[in-house]
Amino acid sequence: MTLAALLSIFGGSFLGALVPIVNVELIVAVAAHQMGDGIVPAATVALIGAAGTMAGKLQVYLVARGGRTLGGRWIRRRSERQARQALVTAHRHDAQETPEWREDPAAISPTRRVWLRVRHILAGPSVERLAAPAVLLSGLLGIPPLAIVTAVAGASRMRWQVFMGAGLLGRVVRFFVVYEVAAFALKQG
């Protein structure tokens, strides 16, 4: 494993987090082909790939949270923070009422229904209990898509440490499995 290969995996994973057309699982499978079978290469590639992915997702999270603009400047004014906090408080109050997706499910598109359910789970009163498992499952299984969960987690003001920890754990396990399956398939064929 060369430093250039590891940096390529990190860079490709970072790009894959921002541009959905870049398939990080394919990058991990190619790394399995080049680096061969074994626990150490699999764990290394999984960690590097997960770190790159979550570094990219953190950028999306920060933009959705409002703590960063697309130009990269941090918003630090107290009045802006207070205005955002008031919106979050109002949103959490609204989330305790009957969610929109429960009122008339037939009138809402399936994509919108998934978005509303995820937003309701992450912004509801039990956010501390349900947010980390939602991000973990999204990072591990991809259901719901991590791109949607990232935006909802940022907009709902989920703690970034919880978001990064759960997402990183899910992605490490996912990429480790992808690496091992690819290495096994290459060994058989």
N, C-alpha and C. Protein backbone atom coordinates (compact mmCIF):
# COMPACT_ATOMS: atom_id res chain seq x y z
N MET A 1 0.85 -1.19 0.00
CA MET A 1 0.00 0.00 0.00
C MET A 1 0.89 1.24 0.00
N THR A 2 0.74 2.01 -1.02
CA THR A 2 1.54 3.23 -1.10
C THR A 2 0.71 4.40 -0.58
N LEU A 3 1.41 5.45 -0.25
CA LEU A 3 0.74 6.66 0.21
C LEU A 3 -0.14 7.24 -0.89
N ALA A 4 0.33 7.16 -2.12
CA ALA A 4 -0.46 7.68 -3.25
C ALA A 4 -1.77 6.91 -3.40
N ALA A 5 -1.75 5.59 -3.19
CA ALA A 5 -2.97 4.79 -3.28
C ALA A 5 -3.95 5.17 -2.17
N LEU A 6 -3.44 5.35 -0.96
CA LEU A 6 -4.31 5.72 0.16
C LEU A 6 -4.90 7.12 -0.03
N LEU A 7 -4.09 8.05 -0.53
CA LEU A 7 -4.60 9.39 -0.80
C LEU A 7 -5.64 9.38 -1.92
N SER A 8 -5.44 8.51 -2.89
CA SER A 8 -6.42 8.38 -3.97
C SER A 8 -7.75 7.84 -3.45
N ILE A 9 -7.68 6.88 -2.54
CA ILE A 9 -8.90 6.33 -1.94
C ILE A 9 -9.60 7.42 -1.14
N PHE A 10 -8.84 8.17 -0.34
CA PHE A 10 -9.44 9.25 0.45
C PHE A 10 -10.07 10.31 -0.46
N GLY A 11 -9.33 10.74 -1.47
CA GLY A 11 -9.83 11.76 -2.39
C GLY A 11 -11.06 11.30 -3.16
N GLY A 12 -11.03 10.07 -3.64
CA GLY A 12 -12.19 9.53 -4.35
C GLY A 12 -13.40 9.41 -3.44
N SER A 13 -13.17 9.01 -2.20
CA SER A 13 -14.27 8.90 -1.23
C SER A 13 -14.84 10.27 -0.88
N PHE A 14 -13.96 11.25 -0.73
CA PHE A 14 -14.40 12.62 -0.44
C PHE A 14 -15.26 13.13 -1.60
N LEU A 15 -14.78 12.91 -2.82
CA LEU A 15 -15.52 13.33 -4.00
C LEU A 15 -16.85 12.58 -4.10
N GLY A 16 -16.84 11.30 -3.79
CA GLY A 16 -18.06 10.50 -3.82
C GLY A 16 -19.11 10.96 -2.83
N ALA A 17 -18.67 11.56 -1.74
CA ALA A 17 -19.61 12.09 -0.75
C ALA A 17 -20.32 13.34 -1.27
N LEU A 18 -19.66 14.06 -2.15
CA LEU A 18 -20.22 15.31 -2.67
C LEU A 18 -20.90 15.14 -4.02
N VAL A 19 -20.41 14.22 -4.84
CA VAL A 19 -20.94 14.00 -6.18
C VAL A 19 -21.51 12.57 -6.23
N PRO A 20 -22.83 12.44 -6.24
CA PRO A 20 -23.43 11.10 -6.14
C PRO A 20 -23.06 10.14 -7.27
N ILE A 21 -22.60 10.62 -8.39
CA ILE A 21 -22.28 9.73 -9.50
C ILE A 21 -20.97 8.96 -9.27
N VAL A 22 -20.14 9.42 -8.34
CA VAL A 22 -18.89 8.73 -8.01
C VAL A 22 -19.22 7.63 -7.00
N ASN A 23 -18.94 6.38 -7.37
CA ASN A 23 -19.29 5.23 -6.56
C ASN A 23 -18.11 4.84 -5.67
N VAL A 24 -18.23 5.07 -4.38
CA VAL A 24 -17.14 4.78 -3.45
C VAL A 24 -16.95 3.28 -3.29
N GLU A 25 -18.04 2.51 -3.37
CA GLU A 25 -17.93 1.05 -3.27
C GLU A 25 -17.06 0.50 -4.41
N LEU A 26 -17.16 1.08 -5.58
CA LEU A 26 -16.34 0.66 -6.71
C LEU A 26 -14.86 0.99 -6.45
N ILE A 27 -14.61 2.13 -5.84
CA ILE A 27 -13.23 2.50 -5.49
C ILE A 27 -12.66 1.48 -4.51
N VAL A 28 -13.47 1.07 -3.52
CA VAL A 28 -13.03 0.07 -2.53
C VAL A 28 -12.79 -1.28 -3.21
N ALA A 29 -13.65 -1.66 -4.15
CA ALA A 29 -13.47 -2.94 -4.86
C ALA A 29 -12.20 -2.93 -5.71
N VAL A 30 -11.91 -1.82 -6.35
CA VAL A 30 -10.67 -1.71 -7.13
C VAL A 30 -9.46 -1.79 -6.20
N ALA A 31 -9.56 -1.19 -5.04
CA ALA A 31 -8.47 -1.28 -4.06
C ALA A 31 -8.28 -2.73 -3.61
N ALA A 32 -9.36 -3.48 -3.48
CA ALA A 32 -9.25 -4.89 -3.11
C ALA A 32 -8.52 -5.67 -4.21
N HIS A 33 -8.79 -5.32 -5.43
CA HIS A 33 -8.12 -5.99 -6.55
C HIS A 33 -6.62 -5.68 -6.55
N GLN A 34 -6.26 -4.45 -6.23
CA GLN A 34 -4.85 -4.05 -6.26
C GLN A 34 -4.08 -4.48 -5.02
N MET A 35 -4.73 -4.48 -3.88
CA MET A 35 -4.01 -4.73 -2.63
C MET A 35 -4.12 -6.17 -2.14
N GLY A 36 -5.07 -6.94 -2.67
CA GLY A 36 -5.16 -8.34 -2.30
C GLY A 36 -5.96 -8.58 -1.04
N ASP A 37 -5.99 -9.85 -0.68
CA ASP A 37 -6.78 -10.31 0.46
C ASP A 37 -6.03 -10.06 1.77
N GLY A 38 -6.78 -9.90 2.86
CA GLY A 38 -6.19 -9.74 4.17
C GLY A 38 -6.95 -8.75 5.03
N ILE A 39 -6.86 -8.95 6.32
CA ILE A 39 -7.58 -8.11 7.27
C ILE A 39 -6.99 -6.71 7.32
N VAL A 40 -5.66 -6.61 7.34
CA VAL A 40 -5.02 -5.30 7.47
C VAL A 40 -5.30 -4.41 6.26
N PRO A 41 -5.14 -4.89 5.03
CA PRO A 41 -5.49 -4.02 3.90
C PRO A 41 -6.98 -3.67 3.88
N ALA A 42 -7.83 -4.64 4.24
CA ALA A 42 -9.27 -4.38 4.26
C ALA A 42 -9.62 -3.31 5.28
N ALA A 43 -9.06 -3.43 6.48
CA ALA A 43 -9.35 -2.44 7.52
C ALA A 43 -8.79 -1.07 7.15
N THR A 44 -7.61 -1.05 6.56
CA THR A 44 -7.00 0.22 6.16
C THR A 44 -7.83 0.92 5.10
N VAL A 45 -8.21 0.18 4.07
CA VAL A 45 -9.02 0.77 3.00
C VAL A 45 -10.38 1.20 3.53
N ALA A 46 -10.98 0.39 4.39
CA ALA A 46 -12.28 0.74 4.97
C ALA A 46 -12.19 2.02 5.79
N LEU A 47 -11.15 2.15 6.61
CA LEU A 47 -10.99 3.35 7.43
C LEU A 47 -10.72 4.59 6.57
N ILE A 48 -9.85 4.45 5.58
CA ILE A 48 -9.53 5.60 4.72
C ILE A 48 -10.74 6.00 3.90
N GLY A 49 -11.44 5.01 3.34
CA GLY A 49 -12.64 5.30 2.55
C GLY A 49 -13.74 5.94 3.39
N ALA A 50 -13.94 5.42 4.60
CA ALA A 50 -14.96 5.98 5.49
C ALA A 50 -14.57 7.39 5.93
N ALA A 51 -13.30 7.61 6.22
CA ALA A 51 -12.86 8.95 6.63
C ALA A 51 -13.07 9.96 5.50
N GLY A 52 -12.74 9.57 4.28
CA GLY A 52 -12.95 10.47 3.14
C GLY A 52 -14.42 10.76 2.91
N THR A 53 -15.24 9.73 2.99
CA THR A 53 -16.68 9.91 2.80
C THR A 53 -17.27 10.83 3.86
N MET A 54 -16.93 10.58 5.11
CA MET A 54 -17.50 11.39 6.18
C MET A 54 -16.94 12.81 6.20
N ALA A 55 -15.70 13.00 5.73
CA ALA A 55 -15.17 14.36 5.60
C ALA A 55 -15.98 15.14 4.57
N GLY A 56 -16.34 14.49 3.48
CA GLY A 56 -17.19 15.14 2.47
C GLY A 56 -18.60 15.37 2.99
N LYS A 57 -19.15 14.38 3.68
CA LYS A 57 -20.51 14.53 4.22
C LYS A 57 -20.56 15.62 5.29
N LEU A 58 -19.45 15.83 6.01
CA LEU A 58 -19.42 16.90 7.00
C LEU A 58 -19.60 18.26 6.34
N GLN A 59 -19.07 18.43 5.14
CA GLN A 59 -19.25 19.69 4.42
C GLN A 59 -20.72 19.91 4.10
N VAL A 60 -21.39 18.87 3.64
CA VAL A 60 -22.83 18.95 3.34
C VAL A 60 -23.61 19.23 4.62
N TYR A 61 -23.25 18.55 5.70
CA TYR A 61 -23.90 18.73 7.00
C TYR A 61 -23.78 20.19 7.46
N LEU A 62 -22.58 20.75 7.34
CA LEU A 62 -22.37 22.13 7.80
C LEU A 62 -23.15 23.13 6.96
N VAL A 63 -23.23 22.91 5.67
CA VAL A 63 -24.02 23.80 4.81
C VAL A 63 -25.50 23.70 5.20
N ALA A 64 -26.00 22.47 5.40
CA ALA A 64 -27.40 22.28 5.77
C ALA A 64 -27.69 22.86 7.16
N ARG A 65 -26.72 22.81 8.02
CA ARG A 65 -26.89 23.34 9.38
C ARG A 65 -26.90 24.86 9.39
N GLY A 66 -26.27 25.45 8.39
CA GLY A 66 -26.21 26.91 8.33
C GLY A 66 -24.97 27.46 8.99
N GLY A 67 -24.05 26.60 9.40
CA GLY A 67 -22.82 27.04 10.03
C GLY A 67 -21.74 27.38 9.04
N ARG A 68 -22.02 27.16 7.77
CA ARG A 68 -21.03 27.42 6.74
C ARG A 68 -21.77 27.79 5.46
N THR A 69 -21.24 28.75 4.76
CA THR A 69 -21.84 29.10 3.48
C THR A 69 -21.10 28.34 2.39
N LEU A 70 -21.61 28.37 1.19
CA LEU A 70 -20.94 27.68 0.10
C LEU A 70 -19.57 28.27 -0.17
N GLY A 71 -19.34 29.53 0.21
CA GLY A 71 -18.04 30.16 0.05
C GLY A 71 -17.06 29.74 1.12
N GLY A 72 -17.51 29.06 2.17
CA GLY A 72 -16.63 28.54 3.19
C GLY A 72 -16.47 29.43 4.41
N ARG A 73 -17.24 30.52 4.51
CA ARG A 73 -17.11 31.39 5.69
C ARG A 73 -18.02 30.91 6.82
N TRP A 74 -17.51 30.99 8.03
CA TRP A 74 -18.30 30.59 9.19
C TRP A 74 -19.22 31.74 9.58
N ILE A 75 -20.44 31.40 9.94
CA ILE A 75 -21.39 32.40 10.42
C ILE A 75 -21.23 32.49 11.93
N ARG A 76 -20.86 33.66 12.42
CA ARG A 76 -20.56 33.78 13.84
C ARG A 76 -21.40 34.81 14.58
N ARG A 77 -22.22 35.54 13.90
CA ARG A 77 -22.95 36.60 14.58
C ARG A 77 -23.98 36.03 15.54
N ARG A 78 -24.07 36.64 16.71
CA ARG A 78 -24.97 36.14 17.74
C ARG A 78 -26.44 36.24 17.32
N SER A 79 -26.82 37.28 16.66
CA SER A 79 -28.21 37.44 16.26
C SER A 79 -28.62 36.37 15.27
N GLU A 80 -27.71 35.97 14.38
CA GLU A 80 -28.02 34.92 13.43
C GLU A 80 -28.18 33.59 14.14
N ARG A 81 -27.33 33.33 15.13
CA ARG A 81 -27.45 32.10 15.90
C ARG A 81 -28.77 32.06 16.66
N GLN A 82 -29.15 33.19 17.24
CA GLN A 82 -30.42 33.24 17.96
C GLN A 82 -31.60 33.05 17.03
N ALA A 83 -31.53 33.59 15.83
CA ALA A 83 -32.61 33.42 14.86
C ALA A 83 -32.71 31.95 14.44
N ARG A 84 -31.58 31.30 14.22
CA ARG A 84 -31.61 29.89 13.86
C ARG A 84 -32.15 29.05 15.01
N GLN A 85 -31.76 29.39 16.22
CA GLN A 85 -32.23 28.64 17.39
C GLN A 85 -33.74 28.78 17.54
N ALA A 86 -34.26 29.97 17.25
CA ALA A 86 -35.71 30.17 17.32
C ALA A 86 -36.42 29.33 16.26
N LEU A 87 -35.82 29.22 15.08
CA LEU A 87 -36.41 28.38 14.03
C LEU A 87 -36.40 26.91 14.43
N VAL A 88 -35.31 26.46 15.04
CA VAL A 88 -35.22 25.07 15.47
C VAL A 88 -36.26 24.79 16.54
N THR A 89 -36.40 25.71 17.49
CA THR A 89 -37.40 25.53 18.54
C THR A 89 -38.80 25.47 17.95
N ALA A 90 -39.09 26.34 17.01
CA ALA A 90 -40.39 26.33 16.36
C ALA A 90 -40.59 25.05 15.56
N HIS A 91 -39.53 24.59 14.90
CA HIS A 91 -39.63 23.36 14.11
C HIS A 91 -39.87 22.16 15.02
N ARG A 92 -39.19 22.10 16.15
CA ARG A 92 -39.39 20.98 17.07
C ARG A 92 -40.80 20.99 17.65
N HIS A 93 -41.34 22.19 17.87
CA HIS A 93 -42.72 22.29 18.35
C HIS A 93 -43.67 21.75 17.29
N ASP A 94 -43.42 22.11 16.02
CA ASP A 94 -44.26 21.62 14.92
C ASP A 94 -44.12 20.11 14.76
N ALA A 95 -42.91 19.58 15.01
CA ALA A 95 -42.68 18.15 14.83
C ALA A 95 -43.44 17.32 15.86
N GLN A 96 -43.83 17.93 16.99
CA GLN A 96 -44.57 17.19 18.00
C GLN A 96 -46.04 17.05 17.63
N GLU A 97 -46.50 17.87 16.69
CA GLU A 97 -47.86 17.74 16.21
C GLU A 97 -47.92 16.59 15.21
N THR A 98 -49.06 16.33 14.64
CA THR A 98 -49.21 15.25 13.67
C THR A 98 -48.34 15.56 12.45
N PRO A 99 -47.43 14.66 12.13
CA PRO A 99 -46.55 14.91 10.98
C PRO A 99 -47.34 14.92 9.67
N GLU A 100 -46.82 15.68 8.72
CA GLU A 100 -47.47 15.83 7.42
C GLU A 100 -47.62 14.49 6.71
N TRP A 101 -46.63 13.59 6.87
CA TRP A 101 -46.68 12.31 6.17
C TRP A 101 -47.72 11.37 6.74
N ARG A 102 -48.24 11.64 7.93
CA ARG A 102 -49.28 10.78 8.51
C ARG A 102 -50.69 11.25 8.16
N GLU A 103 -50.83 12.53 7.80
CA GLU A 103 -52.17 13.06 7.55
C GLU A 103 -52.81 12.46 6.31
N ASP A 104 -52.20 12.56 5.16
CA ASP A 104 -52.75 12.03 3.92
C ASP A 104 -51.60 11.46 3.09
N PRO A 105 -51.20 10.21 3.37
CA PRO A 105 -50.05 9.63 2.67
C PRO A 105 -50.23 9.54 1.16
N ALA A 106 -51.45 9.40 0.69
CA ALA A 106 -51.67 9.26 -0.75
C ALA A 106 -51.40 10.57 -1.51
N ALA A 107 -51.52 11.69 -0.82
CA ALA A 107 -51.34 12.98 -1.47
C ALA A 107 -49.88 13.41 -1.57
N ILE A 108 -48.98 12.65 -0.95
CA ILE A 108 -47.56 13.01 -0.92
C ILE A 108 -46.77 12.01 -1.74
N SER A 109 -45.82 12.51 -2.52
CA SER A 109 -44.99 11.62 -3.33
C SER A 109 -44.13 10.74 -2.42
N PRO A 110 -43.75 9.55 -2.90
CA PRO A 110 -42.94 8.66 -2.07
C PRO A 110 -41.62 9.28 -1.62
N THR A 111 -40.97 10.04 -2.49
CA THR A 111 -39.71 10.69 -2.12
C THR A 111 -39.94 11.71 -1.01
N ARG A 112 -40.97 12.51 -1.15
CA ARG A 112 -41.30 13.52 -0.13
C ARG A 112 -41.67 12.83 1.18
N ARG A 113 -42.37 11.71 1.12
CA ARG A 113 -42.78 10.98 2.32
C ARG A 113 -41.56 10.49 3.09
N VAL A 114 -40.56 9.93 2.36
CA VAL A 114 -39.33 9.47 3.02
C VAL A 114 -38.61 10.65 3.67
N TRP A 115 -38.50 11.76 2.93
CA TRP A 115 -37.85 12.96 3.47
C TRP A 115 -38.55 13.42 4.75
N LEU A 116 -39.87 13.47 4.75
CA LEU A 116 -40.62 13.94 5.92
C LEU A 116 -40.48 12.99 7.10
N ARG A 117 -40.45 11.68 6.82
CA ARG A 117 -40.28 10.72 7.92
C ARG A 117 -38.91 10.85 8.56
N VAL A 118 -37.88 10.93 7.74
CA VAL A 118 -36.52 11.07 8.27
C VAL A 118 -36.39 12.38 9.05
N ARG A 119 -36.94 13.46 8.51
CA ARG A 119 -36.88 14.75 9.20
C ARG A 119 -37.63 14.67 10.53
N HIS A 120 -38.77 14.01 10.54
CA HIS A 120 -39.55 13.87 11.77
C HIS A 120 -38.77 13.08 12.83
N ILE A 121 -38.11 12.00 12.40
CA ILE A 121 -37.34 11.18 13.34
C ILE A 121 -36.17 11.97 13.92
N LEU A 122 -35.43 12.68 13.04
CA LEU A 122 -34.24 13.38 13.51
C LEU A 122 -34.55 14.67 14.27
N ALA A 123 -35.73 15.27 14.04
CA ALA A 123 -36.03 16.54 14.68
C ALA A 123 -37.02 16.40 15.83
N GLY A 124 -37.51 15.21 16.05
CA GLY A 124 -38.52 15.01 17.07
C GLY A 124 -37.96 15.10 18.48
N PRO A 125 -38.83 14.91 19.46
CA PRO A 125 -38.39 15.03 20.86
C PRO A 125 -37.40 13.94 21.27
N SER A 126 -37.39 12.83 20.59
CA SER A 126 -36.48 11.75 20.95
C SER A 126 -35.25 11.73 20.05
N VAL A 127 -34.82 12.91 19.64
CA VAL A 127 -33.70 13.00 18.70
C VAL A 127 -32.44 12.34 19.25
N GLU A 128 -32.20 12.44 20.54
CA GLU A 128 -30.99 11.87 21.12
C GLU A 128 -31.01 10.35 21.03
N ARG A 129 -32.20 9.74 21.13
CA ARG A 129 -32.29 8.29 21.08
C ARG A 129 -32.27 7.73 19.66
N LEU A 130 -32.87 8.44 18.72
CA LEU A 130 -33.08 7.89 17.39
C LEU A 130 -32.14 8.40 16.31
N ALA A 131 -31.51 9.53 16.54
CA ALA A 131 -30.69 10.12 15.48
C ALA A 131 -29.46 9.28 15.18
N ALA A 132 -28.73 8.86 16.19
CA ALA A 132 -27.52 8.08 15.95
C ALA A 132 -27.82 6.74 15.26
N PRO A 133 -28.84 5.98 15.69
CA PRO A 133 -29.15 4.75 14.95
C PRO A 133 -29.59 5.02 13.52
N ALA A 134 -30.29 6.12 13.27
CA ALA A 134 -30.72 6.45 11.91
C ALA A 134 -29.51 6.72 11.02
N VAL A 135 -28.54 7.46 11.53
CA VAL A 135 -27.33 7.75 10.76
C VAL A 135 -26.50 6.48 10.60
N LEU A 136 -26.41 5.67 11.65
CA LEU A 136 -25.65 4.43 11.58
C LEU A 136 -26.22 3.49 10.52
N LEU A 137 -27.54 3.30 10.53
CA LEU A 137 -28.17 2.44 9.53
C LEU A 137 -28.02 3.00 8.12
N SER A 138 -28.12 4.30 8.00
CA SER A 138 -27.95 4.92 6.70
C SER A 138 -26.53 4.72 6.18
N GLY A 139 -25.56 4.88 7.06
CA GLY A 139 -24.16 4.67 6.66
C GLY A 139 -23.86 3.22 6.36
N LEU A 140 -24.51 2.30 7.06
CA LEU A 140 -24.25 0.88 6.89
C LEU A 140 -25.00 0.30 5.70
N LEU A 141 -26.29 0.58 5.62
CA LEU A 141 -27.14 -0.04 4.60
C LEU A 141 -27.46 0.86 3.42
N GLY A 142 -27.35 2.16 3.63
CA GLY A 142 -27.73 3.09 2.57
C GLY A 142 -29.22 3.34 2.50
N ILE A 143 -29.97 2.90 3.51
CA ILE A 143 -31.42 3.10 3.56
C ILE A 143 -31.75 3.79 4.86
N PRO A 144 -32.29 4.97 4.87
CA PRO A 144 -32.44 5.90 3.76
C PRO A 144 -31.07 6.39 3.29
N PRO A 145 -31.01 6.95 2.09
CA PRO A 145 -29.71 7.37 1.55
C PRO A 145 -28.97 8.34 2.48
N LEU A 146 -27.68 8.13 2.61
CA LEU A 146 -26.87 8.96 3.51
C LEU A 146 -26.89 10.42 3.09
N ALA A 147 -27.05 10.69 1.81
CA ALA A 147 -27.11 12.09 1.36
C ALA A 147 -28.31 12.80 1.97
N ILE A 148 -29.45 12.13 2.01
CA ILE A 148 -30.66 12.73 2.60
C ILE A 148 -30.50 12.85 4.11
N VAL A 149 -30.01 11.80 4.74
CA VAL A 149 -29.84 11.83 6.21
C VAL A 149 -28.86 12.91 6.61
N THR A 150 -27.81 13.13 5.82
CA THR A 150 -26.84 14.17 6.12
C THR A 150 -27.49 15.55 6.11
N ALA A 151 -28.27 15.83 5.08
CA ALA A 151 -28.93 17.13 4.99
C ALA A 151 -29.93 17.32 6.12
N VAL A 152 -30.69 16.27 6.43
CA VAL A 152 -31.68 16.36 7.51
C VAL A 152 -30.99 16.51 8.86
N ALA A 153 -29.90 15.78 9.06
CA ALA A 153 -29.17 15.89 10.33
C ALA A 153 -28.62 17.30 10.53
N GLY A 154 -28.11 17.90 9.48
CA GLY A 154 -27.61 19.27 9.58
C GLY A 154 -28.73 20.26 9.82
N ALA A 155 -29.83 20.11 9.08
CA ALA A 155 -30.95 21.04 9.23
C ALA A 155 -31.63 20.91 10.59
N SER A 156 -31.60 19.70 11.17
CA SER A 156 -32.25 19.50 12.46
C SER A 156 -31.31 19.79 13.64
N ARG A 157 -30.10 20.26 13.33
CA ARG A 157 -29.12 20.66 14.34
C ARG A 157 -28.63 19.50 15.20
N MET A 158 -28.57 18.31 14.61
CA MET A 158 -28.00 17.16 15.30
C MET A 158 -26.55 17.47 15.64
N ARG A 159 -26.09 17.00 16.79
CA ARG A 159 -24.70 17.25 17.17
C ARG A 159 -23.76 16.61 16.15
N TRP A 160 -22.76 17.38 15.71
CA TRP A 160 -21.89 16.89 14.65
C TRP A 160 -21.05 15.71 15.11
N GLN A 161 -20.71 15.64 16.40
CA GLN A 161 -19.91 14.53 16.90
C GLN A 161 -20.69 13.22 16.79
N VAL A 162 -21.98 13.27 17.11
CA VAL A 162 -22.82 12.08 17.01
C VAL A 162 -22.98 11.68 15.55
N PHE A 163 -23.22 12.68 14.70
CA PHE A 163 -23.36 12.43 13.26
C PHE A 163 -22.11 11.77 12.70
N MET A 164 -20.95 12.34 12.99
CA MET A 164 -19.69 11.81 12.45
C MET A 164 -19.38 10.42 13.03
N GLY A 165 -19.58 10.23 14.31
CA GLY A 165 -19.29 8.93 14.92
C GLY A 165 -20.15 7.81 14.36
N ALA A 166 -21.45 8.04 14.31
CA ALA A 166 -22.36 7.01 13.80
C ALA A 166 -22.14 6.77 12.31
N GLY A 167 -21.97 7.84 11.55
CA GLY A 167 -21.74 7.68 10.11
C GLY A 167 -20.43 6.99 9.81
N LEU A 168 -19.38 7.34 10.56
CA LEU A 168 -18.08 6.72 10.35
C LEU A 168 -18.12 5.23 10.67
N LEU A 169 -18.76 4.86 11.76
CA LEU A 169 -18.87 3.45 12.12
C LEU A 169 -19.62 2.67 11.05
N GLY A 170 -20.74 3.21 10.60
CA GLY A 170 -21.51 2.54 9.55
C GLY A 170 -20.73 2.39 8.27
N ARG A 171 -20.03 3.43 7.87
CA ARG A 171 -19.26 3.39 6.62
C ARG A 171 -18.05 2.45 6.72
N VAL A 172 -17.38 2.40 7.87
CA VAL A 172 -16.24 1.49 8.02
C VAL A 172 -16.70 0.05 7.85
N VAL A 173 -17.79 -0.30 8.51
CA VAL A 173 -18.30 -1.68 8.40
C VAL A 173 -18.72 -1.97 6.96
N ARG A 174 -19.42 -1.04 6.34
CA ARG A 174 -19.87 -1.24 4.95
C ARG A 174 -18.69 -1.44 4.00
N PHE A 175 -17.69 -0.58 4.09
CA PHE A 175 -16.55 -0.67 3.19
C PHE A 175 -15.69 -1.90 3.48
N PHE A 176 -15.62 -2.31 4.73
CA PHE A 176 -14.89 -3.54 5.07
C PHE A 176 -15.56 -4.74 4.41
N VAL A 177 -16.88 -4.81 4.49
CA VAL A 177 -17.62 -5.91 3.87
C VAL A 177 -17.45 -5.87 2.35
N VAL A 178 -17.56 -4.69 1.76
CA VAL A 178 -17.38 -4.56 0.30
C VAL A 178 -15.99 -5.03 -0.10
N TYR A 179 -14.97 -4.64 0.64
CA TYR A 179 -13.59 -5.04 0.34
C TYR A 179 -13.46 -6.56 0.42
N GLU A 180 -13.94 -7.16 1.49
CA GLU A 180 -13.80 -8.61 1.67
C GLU A 180 -14.56 -9.40 0.62
N VAL A 181 -15.76 -8.94 0.27
CA VAL A 181 -16.54 -9.61 -0.78
C VAL A 181 -15.81 -9.52 -2.11
N ALA A 182 -15.29 -8.34 -2.43
CA ALA A 182 -14.55 -8.17 -3.69
C ALA A 182 -13.29 -9.02 -3.71
N ALA A 183 -12.56 -9.06 -2.59
CA ALA A 183 -11.34 -9.87 -2.52
C ALA A 183 -11.66 -11.36 -2.66
N PHE A 184 -12.75 -11.79 -2.03
CA PHE A 184 -13.16 -13.18 -2.14
C PHE A 184 -13.54 -13.53 -3.58
N ALA A 185 -14.32 -12.64 -4.22
CA ALA A 185 -14.74 -12.88 -5.60
C ALA A 185 -13.53 -12.92 -6.54
N LEU A 186 -12.55 -12.07 -6.32
CA LEU A 186 -11.35 -12.06 -7.16
C LEU A 186 -10.52 -13.31 -6.94
N LYS A 187 -10.51 -13.81 -5.71
CA LYS A 187 -9.74 -15.02 -5.42
C LYS A 187 -10.40 -16.25 -6.06
N GLN A 188 -11.73 -16.25 -6.11
CA GLN A 188 -12.45 -17.38 -6.70
C GLN A 188 -12.36 -17.37 -8.23
N GLY A 189 -12.33 -16.18 -8.82
CA GLY A 189 -12.38 -16.08 -10.29
C GLY A 189 -11.05 -15.95 -10.87
